[in-house]
């Protein structure tokens, strides 16, 4: 075959067959992309012709006189012990064409899949946890593998504060395996402490925040953030009242505390005219 012009496009070379300066036909010789785990070399050639292979990086002949079928396809399987490395340059050539015809490609690395997602997740106590939220698996060769993810381990217990791990695994079609570890922290709610029951006499000064303190494992002292969400105390009227306190930490965990305030009536003992509570306790702040 006499070739007049060559043109290249990617891993393909096109040859224009000529006779007496007239174009007769256009033929192609190509080599498909190859990965380092590939066991075959495939591509297109001129039907009825033969192709040969050369690993120019390893300087090894890979195949001799590999036939091209009637549809223009060829395929060569690596022999036992043969291997390809990423970065190797593989050349396919057809010496039956005048001047030779060749195409080349570089062996690509067959990469392991990648798992991505939130590496650290914070949950409030008893909060619902979607173990697959934000987790995805992608493979360069196989595409999206998210639906093939496996959960190897999941120790999360949202009823107990602490640090837990979830381990994910995915395997691609070439048996490359990837794992991903996600840390899940179940936070601890704050704690409000104080006197649960306070007794005062009518019109006695009542300081609702006097004994109240709030602490949080992660945020520390939260006393300044304590709010009274209900304070019905009327110091001028006898009765039992419930004061409700609330504090919210930075993780939006809420804690509530109830304090019972009992307002009692003053009683005067005329034999010993000190003002006392109904409970019998002397109010030593008052004089006779």
C-alpha atoms as a PDB file:
ATOM      1  CA  UNK A   1       0.000   0.000   0.000  1.00  0.00           C
ATOM      2  CA  UNK A   2       1.285   3.420  -0.926  1.00  0.00           C
ATOM      3  CA  UNK A   3       0.400   6.129   1.569  1.00  0.00           C
ATOM      4  CA  UNK A   4       0.334   9.772   0.655  1.00  0.00           C
ATOM      5  CA  UNK A   5      -0.623  11.612   3.870  1.00  0.00           C
ATOM      6  CA  UNK A   6      -0.800  10.879   7.596  1.00  0.00           C
ATOM      7  CA  UNK A   7      -2.899  12.609  10.229  1.00  0.00           C
ATOM      8  CA  UNK A   8      -3.093  12.030  13.973  1.00  0.00           C
ATOM      9  CA  UNK A   9      -5.913  12.293  16.469  1.00  0.00           C
ATOM     10  CA  UNK A  10      -5.292  11.084  20.009  1.00  0.00           C
ATOM     11  CA  UNK A  11      -4.188   7.437  19.900  1.00  0.00           C
ATOM     12  CA  UNK A  12      -5.159   7.098  16.232  1.00  0.00           C
ATOM     13  CA  UNK A  13      -3.233   7.672  13.025  1.00  0.00           C
ATOM     14  CA  UNK A  14      -5.075   8.040   9.718  1.00  0.00           C
ATOM     15  CA  UNK A  15      -3.363   7.112   6.456  1.00  0.00           C
ATOM     16  CA  UNK A  16      -4.566   8.171   3.015  1.00  0.00           C
ATOM     17  CA  UNK A  17      -3.965   5.497   0.365  1.00  0.00           C
ATOM     18  CA  UNK A  18      -3.044   6.947  -3.029  1.00  0.00           C
ATOM     19  CA  UNK A  19      -2.419   5.719  -6.532  1.00  0.00           C
ATOM     20  CA  UNK A  20      -1.037   8.027  -9.222  1.00  0.00           C
ATOM     21  CA  UNK A  21      -1.593  10.975  -6.893  1.00  0.00           C
ATOM     22  CA  UNK A  22      -5.251  10.067  -6.542  1.00  0.00           C
ATOM     23  CA  UNK A  23      -6.848   9.287  -3.185  1.00  0.00           C
ATOM     24  CA  UNK A  24      -8.173   5.741  -3.059  1.00  0.00           C
ATOM     25  CA  UNK A  25      -9.109   5.233   0.601  1.00  0.00           C
ATOM     26  CA  UNK A  26      -8.360   6.303   4.207  1.00  0.00           C
ATOM     27  CA  UNK A  27      -7.217   3.727   6.741  1.00  0.00           C
ATOM     28  CA  UNK A  28      -6.748   3.995  10.477  1.00  0.00           C
ATOM     29  CA  UNK A  29      -4.486   2.414  13.010  1.00  0.00           C
ATOM     30  CA  UNK A  30      -5.307   2.985  16.647  1.00  0.00           C
ATOM     31  CA  UNK A  31      -4.561   1.628  20.081  1.00  0.00           C
ATOM     32  CA  UNK A  32      -7.096   1.808  22.885  1.00  0.00           C
ATOM     33  CA  UNK A  33      -6.280   3.302  26.267  1.00  0.00           C
ATOM     34  CA  UNK A  34      -4.467   0.849  28.528  1.00  0.00           C
ATOM     35  CA  UNK A  35      -4.294   0.634  32.298  1.00  0.00           C
ATOM     36  CA  UNK A  36      -1.508  -0.925  34.319  1.00  0.00           C
ATOM     37  CA  UNK A  37      -3.784  -3.812  35.323  1.00  0.00           C
ATOM     38  CA  UNK A  38      -4.868  -4.523  31.735  1.00  0.00           C
ATOM     39  CA  UNK A  39      -4.197  -7.978  30.340  1.00  0.00           C
ATOM     40  CA  UNK A  40      -5.117  -7.182  26.731  1.00  0.00           C
ATOM     41  CA  UNK A  41      -4.133  -4.622  24.112  1.00  0.00           C
ATOM     42  CA  UNK A  42      -6.862  -3.723  21.633  1.00  0.00           C
ATOM     43  CA  UNK A  43      -7.495  -1.266  18.831  1.00  0.00           C
ATOM     44  CA  UNK A  44      -8.276  -0.739  15.171  1.00  0.00           C
ATOM     45  CA  UNK A  45      -6.235  -1.657  12.122  1.00  0.00           C
ATOM     46  CA  UNK A  46      -6.502  -2.348   8.427  1.00  0.00           C
ATOM     47  CA  UNK A  47      -8.667  -5.438   7.821  1.00  0.00           C
ATOM     48  CA  UNK A  48      -6.600  -8.439   6.697  1.00  0.00           C
ATOM     49  CA  UNK A  49      -3.321  -6.892   7.796  1.00  0.00           C
ATOM     50  CA  UNK A  50      -1.138  -7.663  10.794  1.00  0.00           C
ATOM     51  CA  UNK A  51       0.078  -5.477  13.628  1.00  0.00           C
ATOM     52  CA  UNK A  52       2.986  -5.713  16.065  1.00  0.00           C
ATOM     53  CA  UNK A  53       3.528  -4.209  19.495  1.00  0.00           C
ATOM     54  CA  UNK A  54       6.496  -2.675  21.237  1.00  0.00           C
ATOM     55  CA  UNK A  55       6.823  -1.496  24.810  1.00  0.00           C
ATOM     56  CA  UNK A  56       9.269   1.268  24.099  1.00  0.00           C
ATOM     57  CA  UNK A  57       9.750   2.015  27.795  1.00  0.00           C
ATOM     58  CA  UNK A  58      10.696  -1.545  28.710  1.00  0.00           C
ATOM     59  CA  UNK A  59      12.205  -2.062  25.236  1.00  0.00           C
ATOM     60  CA  UNK A  60      10.292  -5.295  24.802  1.00  0.00           C
ATOM     61  CA  UNK A  61       8.472  -6.743  21.830  1.00  0.00           C
ATOM     62  CA  UNK A  62       4.976  -7.561  23.062  1.00  0.00           C
ATOM     63  CA  UNK A  63       3.384  -9.298  20.113  1.00  0.00           C
ATOM     64  CA  UNK A  64       4.213 -10.270  16.545  1.00  0.00           C
ATOM     65  CA  UNK A  65       1.880 -10.549  13.559  1.00  0.00           C
ATOM     66  CA  UNK A  66      -1.373 -10.073  15.419  1.00  0.00           C
ATOM     67  CA  UNK A  67      -4.140 -10.343  12.827  1.00  0.00           C
ATOM     68  CA  UNK A  68      -6.696  -7.610  12.193  1.00  0.00           C
ATOM     69  CA  UNK A  69     -10.131  -9.101  11.587  1.00  0.00           C
ATOM     70  CA  UNK A  70     -12.517  -8.229   8.786  1.00  0.00           C
ATOM     71  CA  UNK A  71     -14.123  -5.504  10.873  1.00  0.00           C
ATOM     72  CA  UNK A  72     -10.799  -3.831  11.554  1.00  0.00           C
ATOM     73  CA  UNK A  73     -10.341  -5.001  15.156  1.00  0.00           C
ATOM     74  CA  UNK A  74      -7.325  -6.579  16.776  1.00  0.00           C
ATOM     75  CA  UNK A  75      -6.699  -7.942  20.254  1.00  0.00           C
ATOM     76  CA  UNK A  76      -3.565  -9.177  21.962  1.00  0.00           C
ATOM     77  CA  UNK A  77      -3.522 -10.915  25.344  1.00  0.00           C
ATOM     78  CA  UNK A  78      -0.436 -10.592  27.482  1.00  0.00           C
ATOM     79  CA  UNK A  79       1.367 -13.854  28.109  1.00  0.00           C
ATOM     80  CA  UNK A  80       1.850 -15.299  31.577  1.00  0.00           C
ATOM     81  CA  UNK A  81       4.444 -13.224  33.398  1.00  0.00           C
ATOM     82  CA  UNK A  82       4.050 -10.202  31.118  1.00  0.00           C
ATOM     83  CA  UNK A  83       2.975  -6.986  32.792  1.00  0.00           C
ATOM     84  CA  UNK A  84       2.480  -3.329  32.067  1.00  0.00           C
ATOM     85  CA  UNK A  85       3.530  -0.440  34.283  1.00  0.00           C
ATOM     86  CA  UNK A  86       1.886   2.940  34.449  1.00  0.00           C
ATOM     87  CA  UNK A  87       3.866   5.322  32.279  1.00  0.00           C
ATOM     88  CA  UNK A  88       4.958   2.651  29.783  1.00  0.00           C
ATOM     89  CA  UNK A  89       4.656   3.773  26.149  1.00  0.00           C
ATOM     90  CA  UNK A  90       3.077   1.078  23.969  1.00  0.00           C
ATOM     91  CA  UNK A  91       3.483   1.362  20.198  1.00  0.00           C
ATOM     92  CA  UNK A  92       1.414  -0.560  17.662  1.00  0.00           C
ATOM     93  CA  UNK A  93       2.763  -0.557  14.122  1.00  0.00           C
ATOM     94  CA  UNK A  94       1.905  -1.931  10.706  1.00  0.00           C
ATOM     95  CA  UNK A  95       5.009  -2.421   8.565  1.00  0.00           C
ATOM     96  CA  UNK A  96       2.955  -3.594   5.592  1.00  0.00           C
ATOM     97  CA  UNK A  97       2.185   0.017   4.870  1.00  0.00           C
ATOM     98  CA  UNK A  98       4.911   1.739   2.868  1.00  0.00           C
ATOM     99  CA  UNK A  99       6.953   3.837   5.260  1.00  0.00           C
ATOM    100  CA  UNK A 100       5.317   2.094   8.239  1.00  0.00           C
ATOM    101  CA  UNK A 101       2.264   3.113  10.177  1.00  0.00           C
ATOM    102  CA  UNK A 102       2.258   3.398  13.948  1.00  0.00           C
ATOM    103  CA  UNK A 103       0.149   4.660  16.844  1.00  0.00           C
ATOM    104  CA  UNK A 104       0.999   4.879  20.522  1.00  0.00           C
ATOM    105  CA  UNK A 105      -0.461   5.277  23.954  1.00  0.00           C
ATOM    106  CA  UNK A 106       0.817   5.635  27.499  1.00  0.00           C
ATOM    107  CA  UNK A 107      -0.243   3.094  30.099  1.00  0.00           C
ATOM    108  CA  UNK A 108      -2.418   4.719  32.750  1.00  0.00           C
ATOM    109  CA  UNK A 109      -2.411   3.946  36.432  1.00  0.00           C
ATOM    110  CA  UNK A 110      -5.466   2.037  37.565  1.00  0.00           C
ATOM    111  CA  UNK A 111      -6.296   4.065  40.642  1.00  0.00           C
ATOM    112  CA  UNK A 112      -8.026   2.904  43.787  1.00  0.00           C
ATOM    113  CA  UNK A 113     -11.478   4.353  44.467  1.00  0.00           C
ATOM    114  CA  UNK A 114     -11.915   7.335  46.748  1.00  0.00           C
ATOM    115  CA  UNK A 115     -14.425   7.700  49.583  1.00  0.00           C
ATOM    116  CA  UNK A 116     -15.298  11.233  50.646  1.00  0.00           C
ATOM    117  CA  UNK A 117     -17.585  12.689  53.276  1.00  0.00           C
ATOM    118  CA  UNK A 118     -17.797  14.396  56.619  1.00  0.00           C
ATOM    119  CA  UNK A 119     -14.815  13.227  58.654  1.00  0.00           C
ATOM    120  CA  UNK A 120     -16.172  14.450  61.988  1.00  0.00           C
ATOM    121  CA  UNK A 121     -19.868  14.593  62.859  1.00  0.00           C
ATOM    122  CA  UNK A 122     -21.321  16.084  66.042  1.00  0.00           C
ATOM    123  CA  UNK A 123     -24.673  14.859  67.314  1.00  0.00           C
ATOM    124  CA  UNK A 124     -26.818  15.932  70.214  1.00  0.00           C
ATOM    125  CA  UNK A 125     -28.022  13.277  72.662  1.00  0.00           C
ATOM    126  CA  UNK A 126     -30.689  11.006  71.098  1.00  0.00           C
ATOM    127  CA  UNK A 127     -30.449  12.831  67.757  1.00  0.00           C
ATOM    128  CA  UNK A 128     -31.224  10.779  64.630  1.00  0.00           C
ATOM    129  CA  UNK A 129     -28.078   9.746  62.741  1.00  0.00           C
ATOM    130  CA  UNK A 130     -28.083   8.971  59.006  1.00  0.00           C
ATOM    131  CA  UNK A 131     -24.973   6.832  58.632  1.00  0.00           C
ATOM    132  CA  UNK A 132     -24.789   7.458  54.842  1.00  0.00           C
ATOM    133  CA  UNK A 133     -25.252  11.229  54.952  1.00  0.00           C
ATOM    134  CA  UNK A 134     -22.489  13.062  53.005  1.00  0.00           C
ATOM    135  CA  UNK A 135     -20.663   9.805  52.119  1.00  0.00           C
ATOM    136  CA  UNK A 136     -19.757   9.170  48.458  1.00  0.00           C
ATOM    137  CA  UNK A 137     -17.430   6.791  46.612  1.00  0.00           C
ATOM    138  CA  UNK A 138     -15.891   7.585  43.215  1.00  0.00           C
ATOM    139  CA  UNK A 139     -13.559   5.535  41.031  1.00  0.00           C
ATOM    140  CA  UNK A 140     -11.604   6.919  38.076  1.00  0.00           C
ATOM    141  CA  UNK A 141     -12.366   3.890  35.933  1.00  0.00           C
ATOM    142  CA  UNK A 142     -15.720   2.683  37.307  1.00  0.00           C
ATOM    143  CA  UNK A 143     -17.384   5.992  38.118  1.00  0.00           C
ATOM    144  CA  UNK A 144     -19.818   6.430  41.006  1.00  0.00           C
ATOM    145  CA  UNK A 145     -19.584   3.532  43.479  1.00  0.00           C
ATOM    146  CA  UNK A 146     -21.629   5.107  46.287  1.00  0.00           C
ATOM    147  CA  UNK A 147     -24.326   2.426  46.070  1.00  0.00           C
ATOM    148  CA  UNK A 148     -21.641  -0.238  46.588  1.00  0.00           C
ATOM    149  CA  UNK A 149     -20.362   1.187  49.861  1.00  0.00           C
ATOM    150  CA  UNK A 150     -20.277  -1.199  52.795  1.00  0.00           C
ATOM    151  CA  UNK A 151     -20.340  -0.276  56.475  1.00  0.00           C
ATOM    152  CA  UNK A 152     -17.626  -2.327  58.131  1.00  0.00           C
ATOM    153  CA  UNK A 153     -18.188  -0.983  61.631  1.00  0.00           C
ATOM    154  CA  UNK A 154     -20.685   1.362  63.295  1.00  0.00           C
ATOM    155  CA  UNK A 155     -20.534   1.740  67.077  1.00  0.00           C
ATOM    156  CA  UNK A 156     -22.589   4.947  67.328  1.00  0.00           C
ATOM    157  CA  UNK A 157     -24.990   5.110  70.291  1.00  0.00           C
ATOM    158  CA  UNK A 158     -26.686   8.498  70.454  1.00  0.00           C
ATOM    159  CA  UNK A 159     -28.152   7.703  73.867  1.00  0.00           C
ATOM    160  CA  UNK A 160     -24.679   7.842  75.369  1.00  0.00           C
ATOM    161  CA  UNK A 161     -22.314  10.798  75.053  1.00  0.00           C
ATOM    162  CA  UNK A 162     -18.861   9.959  73.725  1.00  0.00           C
ATOM    163  CA  UNK A 163     -16.714   9.518  70.626  1.00  0.00           C
ATOM    164  CA  UNK A 164     -17.536   6.773  68.123  1.00  0.00           C
ATOM    165  CA  UNK A 165     -16.256   5.557  64.735  1.00  0.00           C
ATOM    166  CA  UNK A 166     -17.970   4.458  61.548  1.00  0.00           C
ATOM    167  CA  UNK A 167     -15.781   2.620  59.013  1.00  0.00           C
ATOM    168  CA  UNK A 168     -16.818   2.425  55.351  1.00  0.00           C
ATOM    169  CA  UNK A 169     -15.362   0.249  52.566  1.00  0.00           C
ATOM    170  CA  UNK A 170     -15.747   0.053  48.793  1.00  0.00           C
ATOM    171  CA  UNK A 171     -14.179  -2.229  46.176  1.00  0.00           C
ATOM    172  CA  UNK A 172     -13.898  -1.433  42.468  1.00  0.00           C
ATOM    173  CA  UNK A 173     -14.104  -3.854  39.545  1.00  0.00           C
ATOM    174  CA  UNK A 174     -10.342  -4.425  39.694  1.00  0.00           C
ATOM    175  CA  UNK A 175     -10.622  -5.407  43.376  1.00  0.00           C
ATOM    176  CA  UNK A 176      -8.978  -2.202  44.541  1.00  0.00           C
ATOM    177  CA  UNK A 177     -10.257  -1.448  48.020  1.00  0.00           C
ATOM    178  CA  UNK A 178     -10.655   1.868  49.824  1.00  0.00           C
ATOM    179  CA  UNK A 179     -11.718   2.572  53.403  1.00  0.00           C
ATOM    180  CA  UNK A 180     -12.888   5.711  55.183  1.00  0.00           C
ATOM    181  CA  UNK A 181     -13.235   6.405  58.901  1.00  0.00           C
ATOM    182  CA  UNK A 182     -15.781   8.872  60.217  1.00  0.00           C
ATOM    183  CA  UNK A 183     -15.643  10.105  63.801  1.00  0.00           C
ATOM    184  CA  UNK A 184     -19.017  10.717  65.415  1.00  0.00           C
ATOM    185  CA  UNK A 185     -19.137  12.708  68.637  1.00  0.00           C
ATOM    186  CA  UNK A 186     -22.307  12.542  70.715  1.00  0.00           C
ATOM    187  CA  UNK A 187     -22.238  15.672  72.827  1.00  0.00           C
ATOM    188  CA  UNK A 188     -23.265  15.970  76.449  1.00  0.00           C
ATOM    189  CA  UNK A 189     -26.090  18.219  77.583  1.00  0.00           C
ATOM    190  CA  UNK A 190     -25.279  20.975  80.090  1.00  0.00           C
ATOM    191  CA  UNK A 191     -26.201  20.659  83.769  1.00  0.00           C
ATOM    192  CA  UNK A 192     -27.946  23.233  85.972  1.00  0.00           C
ATOM    193  CA  UNK A 193     -27.494  22.936  89.735  1.00  0.00           C
ATOM    194  CA  UNK A 194     -28.933  24.901  92.666  1.00  0.00           C
ATOM    195  CA  UNK A 195     -31.272  24.725  95.631  1.00  0.00           C
ATOM    196  CA  UNK A 196     -34.282  22.673  94.669  1.00  0.00           C
ATOM    197  CA  UNK A 197     -36.435  24.159  97.423  1.00  0.00           C
ATOM    198  CA  UNK A 198     -36.296  27.678  98.889  1.00  0.00           C
ATOM    199  CA  UNK A 199     -38.440  28.923 101.786  1.00  0.00           C
ATOM    200  CA  UNK A 200     -39.059  32.619 102.425  1.00  0.00           C
ATOM    201  CA  UNK A 201     -41.539  34.622 104.470  1.00  0.00           C
ATOM    202  CA  UNK A 202     -43.976  37.067 102.996  1.00  0.00           C
ATOM    203  CA  UNK A 203     -42.260  40.109 101.505  1.00  0.00           C
ATOM    204  CA  UNK A 204     -38.827  38.678 102.178  1.00  0.00           C
ATOM    205  CA  UNK A 205     -36.316  39.382  99.426  1.00  0.00           C
ATOM    206  CA  UNK A 206     -35.978  36.507  96.955  1.00  0.00           C
ATOM    207  CA  UNK A 207     -32.940  36.287  94.633  1.00  0.00           C
ATOM    208  CA  UNK A 208     -33.770  33.598  92.056  1.00  0.00           C
ATOM    209  CA  UNK A 209     -30.231  33.337  90.620  1.00  0.00           C
ATOM    210  CA  UNK A 210     -28.452  33.207  93.962  1.00  0.00           C
ATOM    211  CA  UNK A 211     -27.710  29.459  94.042  1.00  0.00           C
ATOM    212  CA  UNK A 212     -28.021  28.642  90.340  1.00  0.00           C
ATOM    213  CA  UNK A 213     -24.989  27.438  88.340  1.00  0.00           C
ATOM    214  CA  UNK A 214     -24.696  25.846  84.895  1.00  0.00           C
ATOM    215  CA  UNK A 215     -21.773  23.877  83.481  1.00  0.00           C
ATOM    216  CA  UNK A 216     -21.151  22.069  80.198  1.00  0.00           C
ATOM    217  CA  UNK A 217     -18.536  19.442  79.373  1.00  0.00           C
ATOM    218  CA  UNK A 218     -17.577  21.128  76.116  1.00  0.00           C
ATOM    219  CA  UNK A 219     -18.372  24.808  76.806  1.00  0.00           C
ATOM    220  CA  UNK A 220     -17.461  25.120  80.475  1.00  0.00           C
ATOM    221  CA  UNK A 221     -19.261  27.582  82.773  1.00  0.00           C
ATOM    222  CA  UNK A 222     -22.613  28.618  81.296  1.00  0.00           C
ATOM    223  CA  UNK A 223     -24.087  30.287  84.376  1.00  0.00           C
ATOM    224  CA  UNK A 224     -24.242  33.647  82.619  1.00  0.00           C
ATOM    225  CA  UNK A 225     -26.428  32.081  79.915  1.00  0.00           C
ATOM    226  CA  UNK A 226     -29.049  30.651  82.246  1.00  0.00           C
ATOM    227  CA  UNK A 227     -32.517  32.079  81.617  1.00  0.00           C
ATOM    228  CA  UNK A 228     -35.665  31.915  83.712  1.00  0.00           C
ATOM    229  CA  UNK A 229     -38.387  30.792  81.377  1.00  0.00           C
ATOM    230  CA  UNK A 230     -41.023  30.908  84.134  1.00  0.00           C
ATOM    231  CA  UNK A 231     -40.973  32.785  87.459  1.00  0.00           C
ATOM    232  CA  UNK A 232     -44.446  33.104  89.005  1.00  0.00           C
ATOM    233  CA  UNK A 233     -43.190  33.878  92.547  1.00  0.00           C
ATOM    234  CA  UNK A 234     -45.263  36.503  94.436  1.00  0.00           C
ATOM    235  CA  UNK A 235     -43.453  37.284  97.684  1.00  0.00           C
ATOM    236  CA  UNK A 236     -46.542  39.124  98.996  1.00  0.00           C
ATOM    237  CA  UNK A 237     -48.699  36.039  98.808  1.00  0.00           C
ATOM    238  CA  UNK A 238     -48.360  32.755 100.602  1.00  0.00           C
ATOM    239  CA  UNK A 239     -48.032  29.697  98.413  1.00  0.00           C
ATOM    240  CA  UNK A 240     -45.791  27.271  96.599  1.00  0.00           C
ATOM    241  CA  UNK A 241     -44.323  28.402  93.288  1.00  0.00           C
ATOM    242  CA  UNK A 242     -42.158  26.685  90.677  1.00  0.00           C
ATOM    243  CA  UNK A 243     -39.396  28.636  88.948  1.00  0.00           C
ATOM    244  CA  UNK A 244     -38.112  27.076  85.726  1.00  0.00           C
ATOM    245  CA  UNK A 245     -34.585  27.729  84.442  1.00  0.00           C
ATOM    246  CA  UNK A 246     -33.084  26.836  81.069  1.00  0.00           C
ATOM    247  CA  UNK A 247     -29.649  26.933  79.469  1.00  0.00           C
ATOM    248  CA  UNK A 248     -28.555  26.098  75.903  1.00  0.00           C
ATOM    249  CA  UNK A 249     -25.002  25.150  74.951  1.00  0.00           C
ATOM    250  CA  UNK A 250     -23.264  25.791  71.635  1.00  0.00           C
ATOM    251  CA  UNK A 251     -24.446  22.437  70.279  1.00  0.00           C
ATOM    252  CA  UNK A 252     -28.069  23.503  70.957  1.00  0.00           C
ATOM    253  CA  UNK A 253     -28.353  21.012  73.800  1.00  0.00           C
ATOM    254  CA  UNK A 254     -30.871  22.241  76.379  1.00  0.00           C
ATOM    255  CA  UNK A 255     -31.023  21.682  80.106  1.00  0.00           C
ATOM    256  CA  UNK A 256     -33.894  22.570  82.443  1.00  0.00           C
ATOM    257  CA  UNK A 257     -34.002  22.981  86.216  1.00  0.00           C
ATOM    258  CA  UNK A 258     -36.991  23.532  88.534  1.00  0.00           C
ATOM    259  CA  UNK A 259     -36.828  25.282  91.877  1.00  0.00           C
ATOM    260  CA  UNK A 260     -39.770  25.229  94.297  1.00  0.00           C
ATOM    261  CA  UNK A 261     -40.215  28.479  96.245  1.00  0.00           C
ATOM    262  CA  UNK A 262     -42.451  28.371  99.315  1.00  0.00           C
ATOM    263  CA  UNK A 263     -43.700  31.729 100.664  1.00  0.00           C
ATOM    264  CA  UNK A 264     -44.913  31.439 104.275  1.00  0.00           C
ATOM    265  CA  UNK A 265     -46.747  33.799 106.657  1.00  0.00           C
ATOM    266  CA  UNK A 266     -45.020  35.586 109.545  1.00  0.00           C
ATOM    267  CA  UNK A 267     -46.378  34.690 113.037  1.00  0.00           C
ATOM    268  CA  UNK A 268     -45.872  36.848 116.147  1.00  0.00           C
ATOM    269  CA  UNK A 269     -45.357  35.051 119.457  1.00  0.00           C
ATOM    270  CA  UNK A 270     -46.707  37.507 122.079  1.00  0.00           C
ATOM    271  CA  UNK A 271     -44.995  35.781 125.016  1.00  0.00           C
ATOM    272  CA  UNK A 272     -41.694  36.130 123.184  1.00  0.00           C
ATOM    273  CA  UNK A 273     -42.537  38.667 120.494  1.00  0.00           C
ATOM    274  CA  UNK A 274     -40.120  37.593 117.808  1.00  0.00           C
ATOM    275  CA  UNK A 275     -41.396  37.235 114.288  1.00  0.00           C
ATOM    276  CA  UNK A 276     -41.208  33.614 113.204  1.00  0.00           C
ATOM    277  CA  UNK A 277     -42.226  31.499 110.201  1.00  0.00           C
ATOM    278  CA  UNK A 278     -45.009  29.015 110.312  1.00  0.00           C
ATOM    279  CA  UNK A 279     -42.271  26.435 110.355  1.00  0.00           C
ATOM    280  CA  UNK A 280     -41.219  27.675 113.772  1.00  0.00           C
ATOM    281  CA  UNK A 281     -37.856  29.070 112.644  1.00  0.00           C
ATOM    282  CA  UNK A 282     -36.886  32.396 114.186  1.00  0.00           C
ATOM    283  CA  UNK A 283     -36.364  35.309 111.859  1.00  0.00           C
ATOM    284  CA  UNK A 284     -33.400  36.864 113.576  1.00  0.00           C
ATOM    285  CA  UNK A 285     -33.249  39.746 111.110  1.00  0.00           C
ATOM    286  CA  UNK A 286     -36.164  41.392 112.968  1.00  0.00           C
ATOM    287  CA  UNK A 287     -35.971  42.962 116.449  1.00  0.00           C
ATOM    288  CA  UNK A 288     -38.528  42.809 119.220  1.00  0.00           C
END
